[in-house]
Amino acid sequence: MTNKLRVKKGDKVAVLTGRDKGKSGEVLRVMPTERRVLVAGVNMVKRHTRPSQTEAGGIIEKEASIHVSNIAVMDPKENKATRVGYRTMDDGRKVRFAKRSGEILDQ
């Protein structure tokens, strides 16, 4: 199985399934080998941590990773979930585009 994902850091994505269904956020980190992504404000978990020299201990709430099959990239034009396609530009660049509106996702 290939580790190529159609999602990049900084993309705005929507959650399709799970307890956070309907929420959206920005991709903070992509883990292609595990096929998972970290989305801001989605799949929040509580971690009980010990105090260290730099941080105070206590219960910290942070994002946990979510499987890439449970998210969809948001269309920049319509702000709805869309699939991602690839297109080669006239200057030879390969860019991602939203299949819903045809809008280019890469700058």
PDB file of N, CA and C in Angstrom:
ATOM      1  N   MET A   1       0.842  -1.182   0.000  1.00  0.00           N
ATOM      2  CA  MET A   1       0.000   0.000   0.000  1.00  0.00           C
ATOM      3  C   MET A   1       0.883   1.239   0.000  1.00  0.00           C
ATOM      4  N   THR A   2       0.511   2.211  -0.799  1.00  0.00           N
ATOM      5  CA  THR A   2       1.291   3.437  -0.892  1.00  0.00           C
ATOM      6  C   THR A   2       0.998   4.358   0.287  1.00  0.00           C
ATOM      7  N   ASN A   3       1.971   5.166   0.661  1.00  0.00           N
ATOM      8  CA  ASN A   3       1.801   6.092   1.770  1.00  0.00           C
ATOM      9  C   ASN A   3       1.425   7.488   1.300  1.00  0.00           C
ATOM     10  N   LYS A   4       1.108   7.656   0.005  1.00  0.00           N
ATOM     11  CA  LYS A   4       0.745   8.949  -0.551  1.00  0.00           C
ATOM     12  C   LYS A   4      -0.644   9.338  -0.077  1.00  0.00           C
ATOM     13  N   LEU A   5      -0.742  10.493   0.569  1.00  0.00           N
ATOM     14  CA  LEU A   5      -2.031  11.000   1.029  1.00  0.00           C
ATOM     15  C   LEU A   5      -2.400  12.243   0.238  1.00  0.00           C
ATOM     16  N   ARG A   6      -3.685  12.510   0.142  1.00  0.00           N
ATOM     17  CA  ARG A   6      -4.142  13.684  -0.595  1.00  0.00           C
ATOM     18  C   ARG A   6      -4.334  14.890   0.326  1.00  0.00           C
ATOM     19  N   VAL A   7      -3.884  14.758   1.572  1.00  0.00           N
ATOM     20  CA  VAL A   7      -4.037  15.814   2.567  1.00  0.00           C
ATOM     21  C   VAL A   7      -2.659  16.360   2.914  1.00  0.00           C
ATOM     22  N   LYS A   8      -2.569  17.674   3.096  1.00  0.00           N
ATOM     23  CA  LYS A   8      -1.307  18.306   3.467  1.00  0.00           C
ATOM     24  C   LYS A   8      -1.486  19.143   4.719  1.00  0.00           C
ATOM     25  N   LYS A   9      -0.377  19.418   5.385  1.00  0.00           N
ATOM     26  CA  LYS A   9      -0.391  20.279   6.558  1.00  0.00           C
ATOM     27  C   LYS A   9      -0.930  21.651   6.148  1.00  0.00           C
ATOM     28  N   GLY A  10      -1.848  22.180   6.950  1.00  0.00           N
ATOM     29  CA  GLY A  10      -2.433  23.485   6.640  1.00  0.00           C
ATOM     30  C   GLY A  10      -3.767  23.412   5.917  1.00  0.00           C
ATOM     31  N   ASP A  11      -4.146  22.234   5.407  1.00  0.00           N
ATOM     32  CA  ASP A  11      -5.440  22.080   4.739  1.00  0.00           C
ATOM     33  C   ASP A  11      -6.572  22.204   5.740  1.00  0.00           C
ATOM     34  N   LYS A  12      -7.689  22.760   5.294  1.00  0.00           N
ATOM     35  CA  LYS A  12      -8.898  22.787   6.115  1.00  0.00           C
ATOM     36  C   LYS A  12      -9.683  21.531   5.756  1.00  0.00           C
ATOM     37  N   VAL A  13     -10.019  20.727   6.790  1.00  0.00           N
ATOM     38  CA  VAL A  13     -10.703  19.457   6.555  1.00  0.00           C
ATOM     39  C   VAL A  13     -11.965  19.358   7.399  1.00  0.00           C
ATOM     40  N   ALA A  14     -12.890  18.501   6.954  1.00  0.00           N
ATOM     41  CA  ALA A  14     -14.123  18.208   7.680  1.00  0.00           C
ATOM     42  C   ALA A  14     -14.070  16.767   8.144  1.00  0.00           C
ATOM     43  N   VAL A  15     -14.616  16.497   9.341  1.00  0.00           N
ATOM     44  CA  VAL A  15     -14.663  15.139   9.878  1.00  0.00           C
ATOM     45  C   VAL A  15     -15.962  14.494   9.402  1.00  0.00           C
ATOM     46  N   LEU A  16     -15.847  13.302   8.793  1.00  0.00           N
ATOM     47  CA  LEU A  16     -17.003  12.624   8.206  1.00  0.00           C
ATOM     48  C   LEU A  16     -17.670  11.646   9.164  1.00  0.00           C
ATOM     49  N   THR A  17     -16.894  10.991  10.032  1.00  0.00           N
ATOM     50  CA  THR A  17     -17.461   9.988  10.938  1.00  0.00           C
ATOM     51  C   THR A  17     -16.827  10.103  12.312  1.00  0.00           C
ATOM     52  N   GLY A  18     -17.445   9.435  13.270  1.00  0.00           N
ATOM     53  CA  GLY A  18     -16.912   9.408  14.621  1.00  0.00           C
ATOM     54  C   GLY A  18     -17.614  10.389  15.528  1.00  0.00           C
ATOM     55  N   ARG A  19     -17.099  10.527  16.744  1.00  0.00           N
ATOM     56  CA  ARG A  19     -17.783  11.365  17.724  1.00  0.00           C
ATOM     57  C   ARG A  19     -17.669  12.846  17.396  1.00  0.00           C
ATOM     58  N   ASP A  20     -16.723  13.225  16.533  1.00  0.00           N
ATOM     59  CA  ASP A  20     -16.567  14.624  16.124  1.00  0.00           C
ATOM     60  C   ASP A  20     -17.120  14.888  14.726  1.00  0.00           C
ATOM     61  N   LYS A  21     -18.041  14.063  14.274  1.00  0.00           N
ATOM     62  CA  LYS A  21     -18.632  14.202  12.939  1.00  0.00           C
ATOM     63  C   LYS A  21     -19.234  15.596  12.775  1.00  0.00           C
ATOM     64  N   GLY A  22     -18.929  16.238  11.656  1.00  0.00           N
ATOM     65  CA  GLY A  22     -19.444  17.570  11.378  1.00  0.00           C
ATOM     66  C   GLY A  22     -18.486  18.685  11.742  1.00  0.00           C
ATOM     67  N   LYS A  23     -17.513  18.417  12.589  1.00  0.00           N
ATOM     68  CA  LYS A  23     -16.535  19.439  12.963  1.00  0.00           C
ATOM     69  C   LYS A  23     -15.527  19.624  11.839  1.00  0.00           C
ATOM     70  N   SER A  24     -14.880  20.784  11.854  1.00  0.00           N
ATOM     71  CA  SER A  24     -13.826  21.018  10.867  1.00  0.00           C
ATOM     72  C   SER A  24     -12.655  21.694  11.559  1.00  0.00           C
ATOM     73  N   GLY A  25     -11.508  21.615  10.943  1.00  0.00           N
ATOM     74  CA  GLY A  25     -10.311  22.220  11.509  1.00  0.00           C
ATOM     75  C   GLY A  25      -9.163  22.149  10.530  1.00  0.00           C
ATOM     76  N   GLU A  26      -8.030  22.684  10.954  1.00  0.00           N
ATOM     77  CA  GLU A  26      -6.842  22.718  10.108  1.00  0.00           C
ATOM     78  C   GLU A  26      -5.928  21.549  10.449  1.00  0.00           C
ATOM     79  N   VAL A  27      -5.331  20.964   9.426  1.00  0.00           N
ATOM     80  CA  VAL A  27      -4.410  19.844   9.631  1.00  0.00           C
ATOM     81  C   VAL A  27      -3.117  20.382  10.232  1.00  0.00           C
ATOM     82  N   LEU A  28      -2.753  19.847  11.419  1.00  0.00           N
ATOM     83  CA  LEU A  28      -1.533  20.268  12.100  1.00  0.00           C
ATOM     84  C   LEU A  28      -0.347  19.398  11.728  1.00  0.00           C
ATOM     85  N   ARG A  29      -0.609  18.102  11.485  1.00  0.00           N
ATOM     86  CA  ARG A  29       0.468  17.154  11.212  1.00  0.00           C
ATOM     87  C   ARG A  29      -0.076  15.995  10.397  1.00  0.00           C
ATOM     88  N   VAL A  30       0.712  15.506   9.459  1.00  0.00           N
ATOM     89  CA  VAL A  30       0.338  14.357   8.634  1.00  0.00           C
ATOM     90  C   VAL A  30       1.320  13.231   8.916  1.00  0.00           C
ATOM     91  N   MET A  31       0.781  12.028   9.182  1.00  0.00           N
ATOM     92  CA  MET A  31       1.607  10.854   9.440  1.00  0.00           C
ATOM     93  C   MET A  31       1.314   9.812   8.357  1.00  0.00           C
ATOM     94  N   PRO A  32       2.016   9.886   7.218  1.00  0.00           N
ATOM     95  CA  PRO A  32       1.692   9.029   6.082  1.00  0.00           C
ATOM     96  C   PRO A  32       1.898   7.541   6.331  1.00  0.00           C
ATOM     97  N   THR A  33       2.892   7.163   7.124  1.00  0.00           N
ATOM     98  CA  THR A  33       3.133   5.736   7.342  1.00  0.00           C
ATOM     99  C   THR A  33       2.009   5.096   8.149  1.00  0.00           C
ATOM    100  N   GLU A  34       1.402   5.870   9.064  1.00  0.00           N
ATOM    101  CA  GLU A  34       0.264   5.354   9.843  1.00  0.00           C
ATOM    102  C   GLU A  34      -1.066   5.689   9.192  1.00  0.00           C
ATOM    103  N   ARG A  35      -1.053   6.494   8.115  1.00  0.00           N
ATOM    104  CA  ARG A  35      -2.246   6.956   7.412  1.00  0.00           C
ATOM    105  C   ARG A  35      -3.178   7.732   8.356  1.00  0.00           C
ATOM    106  N   ARG A  36      -2.582   8.591   9.188  1.00  0.00           N
ATOM    107  CA  ARG A  36      -3.333   9.367  10.164  1.00  0.00           C
ATOM    108  C   ARG A  36      -2.951  10.844  10.069  1.00  0.00           C
ATOM    109  N   VAL A  37      -3.854  11.710  10.543  1.00  0.00           N
ATOM    110  CA  VAL A  37      -3.589  13.148  10.574  1.00  0.00           C
ATOM    111  C   VAL A  37      -4.002  13.713  11.924  1.00  0.00           C
ATOM    112  N   LEU A  38      -3.401  14.835  12.294  1.00  0.00           N
ATOM    113  CA  LEU A  38      -3.730  15.548  13.518  1.00  0.00           C
ATOM    114  C   LEU A  38      -4.472  16.805  13.093  1.00  0.00           C
ATOM    115  N   VAL A  39      -5.723  16.973  13.565  1.00  0.00           N
ATOM    116  CA  VAL A  39      -6.555  18.112  13.177  1.00  0.00           C
ATOM    117  C   VAL A  39      -6.812  18.977  14.408  1.00  0.00           C
ATOM    118  N   ALA A  40      -6.662  20.284  14.256  1.00  0.00           N
ATOM    119  CA  ALA A  40      -6.831  21.217  15.380  1.00  0.00           C
ATOM    120  C   ALA A  40      -8.266  21.184  15.895  1.00  0.00           C
ATOM    121  N   GLY A  41      -8.427  20.962  17.207  1.00  0.00           N
ATOM    122  CA  GLY A  41      -9.735  21.000  17.859  1.00  0.00           C
ATOM    123  C   GLY A  41     -10.603  19.782  17.645  1.00  0.00           C
ATOM    124  N   VAL A  42     -10.064  18.733  17.031  1.00  0.00           N
ATOM    125  CA  VAL A  42     -10.844  17.533  16.729  1.00  0.00           C
ATOM    126  C   VAL A  42     -10.220  16.337  17.447  1.00  0.00           C
ATOM    127  N   ASN A  43     -11.053  15.421  17.934  1.00  0.00           N
ATOM    128  CA  ASN A  43     -10.624  14.201  18.618  1.00  0.00           C
ATOM    129  C   ASN A  43      -9.774  14.537  19.844  1.00  0.00           C
ATOM    130  N   MET A  44     -10.313  15.414  20.692  1.00  0.00           N
ATOM    131  CA  MET A  44      -9.608  15.858  21.893  1.00  0.00           C
ATOM    132  C   MET A  44      -9.614  14.747  22.948  1.00  0.00           C
ATOM    133  N   VAL A  45      -8.447  14.524  23.565  1.00  0.00           N
ATOM    134  CA  VAL A  45      -8.306  13.522  24.621  1.00  0.00           C
ATOM    135  C   VAL A  45      -7.629  14.176  25.821  1.00  0.00           C
ATOM    136  N   LYS A  46      -7.855  13.597  26.984  1.00  0.00           N
ATOM    137  CA  LYS A  46      -7.235  14.115  28.205  1.00  0.00           C
ATOM    138  C   LYS A  46      -6.038  13.238  28.568  1.00  0.00           C
ATOM    139  N   ARG A  47      -4.932  13.882  28.913  1.00  0.00           N
ATOM    140  CA  ARG A  47      -3.728  13.177  29.309  1.00  0.00           C
ATOM    141  C   ARG A  47      -3.345  13.624  30.713  1.00  0.00           C
ATOM    142  N   HIS A  48      -3.136  12.664  31.600  1.00  0.00           N
ATOM    143  CA  HIS A  48      -2.678  12.972  32.949  1.00  0.00           C
ATOM    144  C   HIS A  48      -1.157  12.992  32.907  1.00  0.00           C
ATOM    145  N   THR A  49      -0.568  14.155  33.203  1.00  0.00           N
ATOM    146  CA  THR A  49       0.883  14.281  33.084  1.00  0.00           C
ATOM    147  C   THR A  49       1.518  14.642  34.422  1.00  0.00           C
ATOM    148  N   ARG A  50       2.733  14.176  34.601  1.00  0.00           N
ATOM    149  CA  ARG A  50       3.529  14.504  35.784  1.00  0.00           C
ATOM    150  C   ARG A  50       4.163  15.865  35.586  1.00  0.00           C
ATOM    151  N   PRO A  51       4.397  16.584  36.655  1.00  0.00           N
ATOM    152  CA  PRO A  51       5.106  17.861  36.494  1.00  0.00           C
ATOM    153  C   PRO A  51       6.568  17.619  36.103  1.00  0.00           C
ATOM    154  N   SER A  52       7.066  18.449  35.220  1.00  0.00           N
ATOM    155  CA  SER A  52       8.474  18.367  34.827  1.00  0.00           C
ATOM    156  C   SER A  52       9.135  19.712  35.124  1.00  0.00           C
ATOM    157  N   GLN A  53      10.385  19.880  34.760  1.00  0.00           N
ATOM    158  CA  GLN A  53      11.070  21.138  35.018  1.00  0.00           C
ATOM    159  C   GLN A  53      10.495  22.282  34.202  1.00  0.00           C
ATOM    160  N   THR A  54       9.932  21.948  33.046  1.00  0.00           N
ATOM    161  CA  THR A  54       9.407  22.997  32.172  1.00  0.00           C
ATOM    162  C   THR A  54       7.896  23.171  32.274  1.00  0.00           C
ATOM    163  N   GLU A  55       7.160  22.127  32.605  1.00  0.00           N
ATOM    164  CA  GLU A  55       5.694  22.188  32.611  1.00  0.00           C
ATOM    165  C   GLU A  55       5.125  21.766  33.953  1.00  0.00           C
ATOM    166  N   ALA A  56       3.981  22.352  34.272  1.00  0.00           N
ATOM    167  CA  ALA A  56       3.251  21.923  35.461  1.00  0.00           C
ATOM    168  C   ALA A  56       2.474  20.664  35.125  1.00  0.00           C
ATOM    169  N   GLY A  57       2.279  19.817  36.113  1.00  0.00           N
ATOM    170  CA  GLY A  57       1.524  18.593  35.886  1.00  0.00           C
ATOM    171  C   GLY A  57       0.033  18.866  35.883  1.00  0.00           C
ATOM    172  N   GLY A  58      -0.736  17.835  35.703  1.00  0.00           N
ATOM    173  CA  GLY A  58      -2.185  17.964  35.716  1.00  0.00           C
ATOM    174  C   GLY A  58      -2.807  17.272  34.535  1.00  0.00           C
ATOM    175  N   ILE A  59      -4.074  17.590  34.301  1.00  0.00           N
ATOM    176  CA  ILE A  59      -4.804  16.992  33.187  1.00  0.00           C
ATOM    177  C   ILE A  59      -4.724  17.953  32.009  1.00  0.00           C
ATOM    178  N   ILE A  60      -4.085  17.494  30.953  1.00  0.00           N
ATOM    179  CA  ILE A  60      -3.904  18.311  29.748  1.00  0.00           C
ATOM    180  C   ILE A  60      -4.787  17.762  28.651  1.00  0.00           C
ATOM    181  N   GLU A  61      -5.509  18.651  27.967  1.00  0.00           N
ATOM    182  CA  GLU A  61      -6.351  18.231  26.851  1.00  0.00           C
ATOM    183  C   GLU A  61      -5.624  18.547  25.550  1.00  0.00           C
ATOM    184  N   LYS A  62      -5.485  17.521  24.690  1.00  0.00           N
ATOM    185  CA  LYS A  62      -4.799  17.732  23.423  1.00  0.00           C
ATOM    186  C   LYS A  62      -5.450  16.898  22.335  1.00  0.00           C
ATOM    187  N   GLU A  63      -5.045  17.168  21.094  1.00  0.00           N
ATOM    188  CA  GLU A  63      -5.610  16.456  19.953  1.00  0.00           C
ATOM    189  C   GLU A  63      -4.958  15.082  19.804  1.00  0.00           C
ATOM    190  N   ALA A  64      -5.779  14.103  19.450  1.00  0.00           N
ATOM    191  CA  ALA A  64      -5.271  12.783  19.092  1.00  0.00           C
ATOM    192  C   ALA A  64      -5.432  12.641  17.581  1.00  0.00           C
ATOM    193  N   SER A  65      -4.659  11.745  16.988  1.00  0.00           N
ATOM    194  CA  SER A  65      -4.722  11.588  15.535  1.00  0.00           C
ATOM    195  C   SER A  65      -6.027  10.938  15.118  1.00  0.00           C
ATOM    196  N   ILE A  66      -6.399  11.169  13.871  1.00  0.00           N
ATOM    197  CA  ILE A  66      -7.628  10.612  13.293  1.00  0.00           C
ATOM    198  C   ILE A  66      -7.248   9.979  11.958  1.00  0.00           C
ATOM    199  N   HIS A  67      -7.899   8.868  11.617  1.00  0.00           N
ATOM    200  CA  HIS A  67      -7.550   8.172  10.380  1.00  0.00           C
ATOM    201  C   HIS A  67      -7.952   9.010   9.172  1.00  0.00           C
ATOM    202  N   VAL A  68      -7.133   8.954   8.139  1.00  0.00           N
ATOM    203  CA  VAL A  68      -7.333   9.794   6.961  1.00  0.00           C
ATOM    204  C   VAL A  68      -8.634   9.470   6.225  1.00  0.00           C
ATOM    205  N   SER A  69      -9.161   8.252   6.395  1.00  0.00           N
ATOM    206  CA  SER A  69     -10.417   7.890   5.733  1.00  0.00           C
ATOM    207  C   SER A  69     -11.622   8.568   6.378  1.00  0.00           C
ATOM    208  N   ASN A  70     -11.449   9.121   7.580  1.00  0.00           N
ATOM    209  CA  ASN A  70     -12.554   9.756   8.288  1.00  0.00           C
ATOM    210  C   ASN A  70     -12.624  11.265   8.087  1.00  0.00           C
ATOM    211  N   ILE A  71     -11.785  11.802   7.209  1.00  0.00           N
ATOM    212  CA  ILE A  71     -11.805  13.234   6.938  1.00  0.00           C
ATOM    213  C   ILE A  71     -11.922  13.496   5.450  1.00  0.00           C
ATOM    214  N   ALA A  72     -12.341  14.713   5.105  1.00  0.00           N
ATOM    215  CA  ALA A  72     -12.403  15.146   3.711  1.00  0.00           C
ATOM    216  C   ALA A  72     -11.925  16.585   3.642  1.00  0.00           C
ATOM    217  N   VAL A  73     -11.208  16.917   2.590  1.00  0.00           N
ATOM    218  CA  VAL A  73     -10.706  18.275   2.391  1.00  0.00           C
ATOM    219  C   VAL A  73     -11.885  19.192   2.094  1.00  0.00           C
ATOM    220  N   MET A  74     -11.845  20.411   2.647  1.00  0.00           N
ATOM    221  CA  MET A  74     -12.905  21.390   2.419  1.00  0.00           C
ATOM    222  C   MET A  74     -12.640  22.147   1.120  1.00  0.00           C
ATOM    223  N   ASP A  75     -13.704  22.347   0.349  1.00  0.00           N
ATOM    224  CA  ASP A  75     -13.624  23.129  -0.881  1.00  0.00           C
ATOM    225  C   ASP A  75     -13.458  24.600  -0.502  1.00  0.00           C
ATOM    226  N   PRO A  76     -12.422  25.291  -0.996  1.00  0.00           N
ATOM    227  CA  PRO A  76     -12.223  26.687  -0.610  1.00  0.00           C
ATOM    228  C   PRO A  76     -13.319  27.619  -1.128  1.00  0.00           C
ATOM    229  N   LYS A  77     -13.997  27.223  -2.188  1.00  0.00           N
ATOM    230  CA  LYS A  77     -15.030  28.083  -2.780  1.00  0.00           C
ATOM    231  C   LYS A  77     -16.362  27.936  -2.049  1.00  0.00           C
ATOM    232  N   GLU A  78     -16.827  26.699  -1.843  1.00  0.00           N
ATOM    233  CA  GLU A  78     -18.144  26.448  -1.265  1.00  0.00           C
ATOM    234  C   GLU A  78     -18.100  26.098   0.218  1.00  0.00           C
ATOM    235  N   ASN A  79     -16.892  25.878   0.778  1.00  0.00           N
ATOM    236  CA  ASN A  79     -16.709  25.516   2.181  1.00  0.00           C
ATOM    237  C   ASN A  79     -17.453  24.234   2.556  1.00  0.00           C
ATOM    238  N   LYS A  80     -17.471  23.272   1.644  1.00  0.00           N
ATOM    239  CA  LYS A  80     -18.069  21.965   1.877  1.00  0.00           C
ATOM    240  C   LYS A  80     -17.025  20.897   1.578  1.00  0.00           C
ATOM    241  N   ALA A  81     -17.256  19.680   2.080  1.00  0.00           N
ATOM    242  CA  ALA A  81     -16.320  18.578   1.858  1.00  0.00           C
ATOM    243  C   ALA A  81     -16.252  18.230   0.377  1.00  0.00           C
ATOM    244  N   THR A  82     -15.055  17.912  -0.086  1.00  0.00           N
ATOM    245  CA  THR A  82     -14.854  17.562  -1.488  1.00  0.00           C
ATOM    246  C   THR A  82     -13.777  16.503  -1.616  1.00  0.00           C
ATOM    247  N   ARG A  83     -13.751  15.857  -2.762  1.00  0.00           N
ATOM    248  CA  ARG A  83     -12.661  14.941  -3.061  1.00  0.00           C
ATOM    249  C   ARG A  83     -11.549  15.732  -3.737  1.00  0.00           C
ATOM    250  N   VAL A  84     -10.362  15.151  -3.769  1.00  0.00           N
ATOM    251  CA  VAL A  84      -9.191  15.847  -4.306  1.00  0.00           C
ATOM    252  C   VAL A  84      -8.725  15.142  -5.565  1.00  0.00           C
ATOM    253  N   GLY A  85      -8.445  15.931  -6.588  1.00  0.00           N
ATOM    254  CA  GLY A  85      -7.888  15.401  -7.824  1.00  0.00           C
ATOM    255  C   GLY A  85      -6.559  16.068  -8.112  1.00  0.00           C
ATOM    256  N   TYR A  86      -5.852  15.561  -9.102  1.00  0.00           N
ATOM    257  CA  TYR A  86      -4.567  16.135  -9.491  1.00  0.00           C
ATOM    258  C   TYR A  86      -4.640  16.601 -10.932  1.00  0.00           C
ATOM    259  N   ARG A  87      -3.969  17.709 -11.210  1.00  0.00           N
ATOM    260  CA  ARG A  87      -3.979  18.301 -12.540  1.00  0.00           C
ATOM    261  C   ARG A  87      -2.582  18.840 -12.819  1.00  0.00           C
ATOM    262  N   THR A  88      -2.123  18.726 -14.047  1.00  0.00           N
ATOM    263  CA  THR A  88      -0.832  19.285 -14.434  1.00  0.00           C
ATOM    264  C   THR A  88      -1.077  20.638 -15.094  1.00  0.00           C
ATOM    265  N   MET A  89      -0.416  21.661 -14.574  1.00  0.00           N
ATOM    266  CA  MET A  89      -0.585  23.017 -15.097  1.00  0.00           C
ATOM    267  C   MET A  89       0.237  23.191 -16.373  1.00  0.00           C
ATOM    268  N   ASP A  90       0.025  24.324 -17.051  1.00  0.00           N
ATOM    269  CA  ASP A  90       0.737  24.608 -18.297  1.00  0.00           C
ATOM    270  C   ASP A  90       2.246  24.705 -18.084  1.00  0.00           C
ATOM    271  N   ASP A  91       2.649  25.200 -16.890  1.00  0.00           N
ATOM    272  CA  ASP A  91       4.084  25.344 -16.622  1.00  0.00           C
ATOM    273  C   ASP A  91       4.724  24.049 -16.120  1.00  0.00           C
ATOM    274  N   GLY A  92       3.966  22.947 -16.081  1.00  0.00           N
ATOM    275  CA  GLY A  92       4.513  21.648 -15.709  1.00  0.00           C
ATOM    276  C   GLY A  92       4.322  21.264 -14.259  1.00  0.00           C
ATOM    277  N   ARG A  93       3.761  22.162 -13.432  1.00  0.00           N
ATOM    278  CA  ARG A  93       3.533  21.843 -12.021  1.00  0.00           C
ATOM    279  C   ARG A  93       2.337  20.906 -11.876  1.00  0.00           C
ATOM    280  N   LYS A  94       2.446  19.966 -10.930  1.00  0.00           N
ATOM    281  CA  LYS A  94       1.338  19.079 -10.600  1.00  0.00           C
ATOM    282  C   LYS A  94       0.659  19.653  -9.361  1.00  0.00           C
ATOM    283  N   VAL A  95      -0.618  20.013  -9.469  1.00  0.00           N
ATOM    284  CA  VAL A  95      -1.326  20.649  -8.351  1.00  0.00           C
ATOM    285  C   VAL A  95      -2.568  19.849  -7.993  1.00  0.00           C
ATOM    286  N   ARG A  96      -3.023  20.024  -6.748  1.00  0.00           N
ATOM    287  CA  ARG A  96      -4.268  19.400  -6.293  1.00  0.00           C
ATOM    288  C   ARG A  96      -5.421  20.358  -6.565  1.00  0.00           C
ATOM    289  N   PHE A  97      -6.585  19.799  -6.907  1.00  0.00           N
ATOM    290  CA  PHE A  97      -7.761  20.644  -7.102  1.00  0.00           C
ATOM    291  C   PHE A  97      -8.978  19.986  -6.464  1.00  0.00           C
ATOM    292  N   ALA A  98      -9.952  20.814  -6.080  1.00  0.00           N
ATOM    293  CA  ALA A  98     -11.198  20.339  -5.475  1.00  0.00           C
ATOM    294  C   ALA A  98     -12.115  19.866  -6.583  1.00  0.00           C
ATOM    295  N   LYS A  99     -12.579  18.631  -6.501  1.00  0.00           N
ATOM    296  CA  LYS A  99     -13.434  18.089  -7.561  1.00  0.00           C
ATOM    297  C   LYS A  99     -14.825  18.723  -7.546  1.00  0.00           C
ATOM    298  N   ARG A 100     -15.256  19.272  -6.419  1.00  0.00           N
ATOM    299  CA  ARG A 100     -16.580  19.883  -6.309  1.00  0.00           C
ATOM    300  C   ARG A 100     -16.673  21.147  -7.163  1.00  0.00           C
ATOM    301  N   SER A 101     -15.659  22.035  -7.054  1.00  0.00           N
ATOM    302  CA  SER A 101     -15.725  23.318  -7.756  1.00  0.00           C
ATOM    303  C   SER A 101     -14.648  23.495  -8.820  1.00  0.00           C
ATOM    304  N   GLY A 102     -13.626  22.643  -8.789  1.00  0.00           N
ATOM    305  CA  GLY A 102     -12.513  22.800  -9.731  1.00  0.00           C
ATOM    306  C   GLY A 102     -11.472  23.781  -9.248  1.00  0.00           C
ATOM    307  N   GLU A 103     -11.646  24.333  -8.046  1.00  0.00           N
ATOM    308  CA  GLU A 103     -10.718  25.307  -7.472  1.00  0.00           C
ATOM    309  C   GLU A 103      -9.387  24.621  -7.132  1.00  0.00           C
ATOM    310  N   ILE A 104      -8.281  25.313  -7.391  1.00  0.00           N
ATOM    311  CA  ILE A 104      -6.955  24.748  -7.093  1.00  0.00           C
ATOM    312  C   ILE A 104      -6.666  24.913  -5.613  1.00  0.00           C
ATOM    313  N   LEU A 105      -6.197  23.826  -4.963  1.00  0.00           N
ATOM    314  CA  LEU A 105      -5.924  23.823  -3.526  1.00  0.00           C
ATOM    315  C   LEU A 105      -4.506  24.282  -3.207  1.00  0.00           C
ATOM    316  N   ASP A 106      -3.544  24.002  -4.079  1.00  0.00           N
ATOM    317  CA  ASP A 106      -2.154  24.380  -3.851  1.00  0.00           C
ATOM    318  C   ASP A 106      -1.902  25.774  -4.396  1.00  0.00           C
ATOM    319  N   GLN A 107      -1.060  26.536  -3.681  1.00  0.00           N
ATOM    320  CA  GLN A 107      -0.727  27.888  -4.151  1.00  0.00           C
ATOM    321  C   GLN A 107       0.521  27.873  -4.980  1.00  0.00           C
TER     322      GLN A 107
END
